[in-house]
Amino acid sequence: MSPTPPSATGSAERLGLKPGMIVMESGYDDDVDEQLRDDIAEHTGEDLLADDTDEVVDVVLLWFRDGDGDLADTLVDSISPLADDGYIWLLTPKRGRDDFVEPSDIAEAASIAGLSQTSITTVGQDWSAARLVGRRSSGAKR
């Protein structure tokens, strides 16, 4: 008996995406996971926005490879279009793949950018994803 194939939007669901969410994509290149991109668009019902958008977005989907520049700077740039409760999915090549990014480098860059990593998951055959959220300031509660 063969296993049940994953739903077309399984990866998008695993990333916590919901219908109607606005997702901006950054770092697109010819090595990205096109199936994941299609899954996200299908699941949210929205096209992925380019990183030059002026819209406020719920999620930034950031493709990043070793050699793409300074990760902390890239993360800081990715924060500005986010809604107050928005978050970043940092997608990096899996260990053993070309341009792999060390987890310690991700943690350091996230800290510099004022972000916290809340979860890690695998998406597709070649990519890992780290969910990064803004730190809540202690003075924000009233």
Protein backbone atom coordinates (compact mmCIF):
# COMPACT_ATOMS: atom_id res chain seq x y z
CA MET A 1 0.00 0.00 0.00
CA SER A 2 1.49 3.34 -1.01
CA PRO A 3 1.56 6.25 1.42
CA THR A 4 -0.99 9.01 1.01
CA PRO A 5 0.51 11.78 -1.11
CA PRO A 6 0.85 15.08 0.70
CA SER A 7 -1.81 17.66 0.00
CA ALA A 8 -0.87 20.30 -2.53
CA THR A 9 -0.75 22.89 0.21
CA GLY A 10 0.95 20.76 2.88
CA SER A 11 4.12 22.83 2.92
CA ALA A 12 2.16 26.08 3.16
CA GLU A 13 0.17 24.67 6.08
CA ARG A 14 3.37 23.49 7.78
CA LEU A 15 4.59 27.09 7.54
CA GLY A 16 1.45 28.22 9.37
CA LEU A 17 0.10 30.13 6.40
CA LYS A 18 -3.62 30.78 6.20
CA PRO A 19 -5.91 31.76 3.33
CA GLY A 20 -5.80 35.51 2.71
CA MET A 21 -2.32 36.02 4.17
CA ILE A 22 -0.08 38.37 2.20
CA VAL A 23 3.39 36.88 1.57
CA MET A 24 6.35 38.85 0.23
CA GLU A 25 9.19 36.89 -1.33
CA SER A 26 12.82 37.99 -1.23
CA GLY A 27 16.00 36.35 -2.50
CA TYR A 28 14.34 34.60 -5.44
CA ASP A 29 16.77 32.85 -7.77
CA ASP A 30 16.68 29.89 -10.15
CA ASP A 31 17.35 27.43 -7.28
CA VAL A 32 14.20 28.15 -5.25
CA ASP A 33 11.56 25.48 -4.68
CA GLU A 34 8.91 26.32 -7.29
CA GLN A 35 6.51 23.75 -5.82
CA LEU A 36 6.64 25.50 -2.45
CA ARG A 37 5.98 28.85 -4.11
CA ASP A 38 2.99 27.37 -5.96
CA ASP A 39 1.71 25.73 -2.74
CA ILE A 40 1.86 29.04 -0.89
CA ALA A 41 0.01 30.93 -3.63
CA GLU A 42 -2.62 28.21 -3.86
CA HIS A 43 -3.11 27.94 -0.10
CA THR A 44 -3.24 31.67 0.63
CA GLY A 45 -5.17 32.50 -2.52
CA GLU A 46 -2.74 35.37 -3.08
CA ASP A 47 0.22 35.81 -5.43
CA LEU A 48 3.60 36.17 -3.77
CA LEU A 49 4.64 39.83 -3.73
CA ALA A 50 8.07 40.96 -4.91
CA ASP A 51 10.43 42.48 -2.37
CA ASP A 52 9.96 45.96 -3.84
CA THR A 53 6.31 46.10 -2.75
CA ASP A 54 5.01 48.98 -0.65
CA GLU A 55 2.34 46.78 0.95
CA VAL A 56 2.34 45.67 4.56
CA VAL A 57 2.72 41.88 4.58
CA ASP A 58 1.94 39.07 7.00
CA VAL A 59 4.95 36.96 6.11
CA VAL A 60 8.31 37.45 4.42
CA LEU A 61 9.56 34.36 2.62
CA LEU A 62 13.32 34.94 2.50
CA TRP A 63 15.50 32.66 0.38
CA PHE A 64 19.09 33.02 1.61
CA ARG A 65 22.28 31.20 0.71
CA ASP A 66 25.82 31.39 2.05
CA GLY A 67 27.40 34.09 -0.09
CA ASP A 68 24.23 36.17 -0.50
CA GLY A 69 25.67 38.99 1.60
CA ASP A 70 25.23 39.93 5.23
CA LEU A 71 22.34 37.95 6.72
CA ALA A 72 21.76 40.37 9.60
CA ASP A 73 21.40 43.29 7.17
CA THR A 74 19.10 41.24 4.97
CA LEU A 75 16.92 40.35 7.97
CA VAL A 76 16.73 43.99 9.09
CA ASP A 77 15.58 44.93 5.58
CA SER A 78 12.96 42.15 5.72
CA ILE A 79 11.40 43.48 8.92
CA SER A 80 10.18 46.82 7.54
CA PRO A 81 7.27 45.54 5.39
CA LEU A 82 5.97 43.23 8.14
CA ALA A 83 2.69 43.79 9.93
CA ASP A 84 2.98 44.09 13.72
CA ASP A 85 2.27 40.37 14.16
CA GLY A 86 4.11 39.32 10.99
CA TYR A 87 7.06 36.97 10.78
CA ILE A 88 9.86 35.85 8.52
CA TRP A 89 10.44 32.37 7.15
CA LEU A 90 14.16 32.21 6.43
CA LEU A 91 14.76 29.50 3.84
CA THR A 92 18.31 28.19 3.55
CA PRO A 93 19.79 25.19 1.74
CA LYS A 94 19.77 22.00 3.82
CA ARG A 95 22.99 20.75 5.39
CA GLY A 96 25.13 19.09 2.73
CA ARG A 97 23.74 21.26 -0.09
CA ASP A 98 25.67 23.99 -1.87
CA ASP A 99 25.58 27.35 -0.06
CA PHE A 100 24.43 25.83 3.27
CA VAL A 101 24.14 28.41 6.07
CA GLU A 102 25.32 27.33 9.53
CA PRO A 103 22.58 27.42 12.22
CA SER A 104 24.92 29.45 14.45
CA ASP A 105 25.15 32.10 11.70
CA ILE A 106 21.35 32.23 11.52
CA ALA A 107 21.04 32.57 15.30
CA GLU A 108 23.65 35.33 15.43
CA ALA A 109 22.13 37.29 12.54
CA ALA A 110 18.61 36.94 13.98
CA SER A 111 19.82 38.26 17.33
CA ILE A 112 21.55 41.25 15.71
CA ALA A 113 18.35 42.01 13.77
CA GLY A 114 16.25 41.86 16.96
CA LEU A 115 14.53 38.62 15.98
CA SER A 116 13.98 35.33 17.78
CA GLN A 117 13.85 31.93 16.13
CA THR A 118 10.69 30.07 17.13
CA SER A 119 10.77 26.94 14.98
CA ILE A 120 12.56 25.06 12.24
CA THR A 121 11.06 22.82 9.57
CA THR A 122 12.01 21.20 6.30
CA VAL A 123 10.38 22.45 3.13
CA GLY A 124 10.95 20.65 -0.10
CA GLN A 125 13.91 18.51 -1.00
CA ASP A 126 16.64 21.11 -0.69
CA TRP A 127 15.50 23.77 1.80
CA SER A 128 15.18 24.24 5.54
CA ALA A 129 13.05 26.99 7.04
CA ALA A 130 13.54 28.93 10.27
CA ARG A 131 10.64 31.01 11.60
CA LEU A 132 11.83 34.35 12.93
CA VAL A 133 9.69 36.78 14.90
CA GLY A 134 10.30 40.20 16.40
CA ARG A 135 11.07 40.30 20.07
CA ARG A 136 8.31 41.81 22.15
CA SER A 137 9.53 44.69 24.24
CA SER A 138 8.77 44.44 27.94
CA GLY A 139 7.13 47.86 27.86
CA ALA A 140 4.62 46.84 25.19
CA LYS A 141 2.11 45.30 27.60
CA ARG A 142 -0.41 47.65 29.16
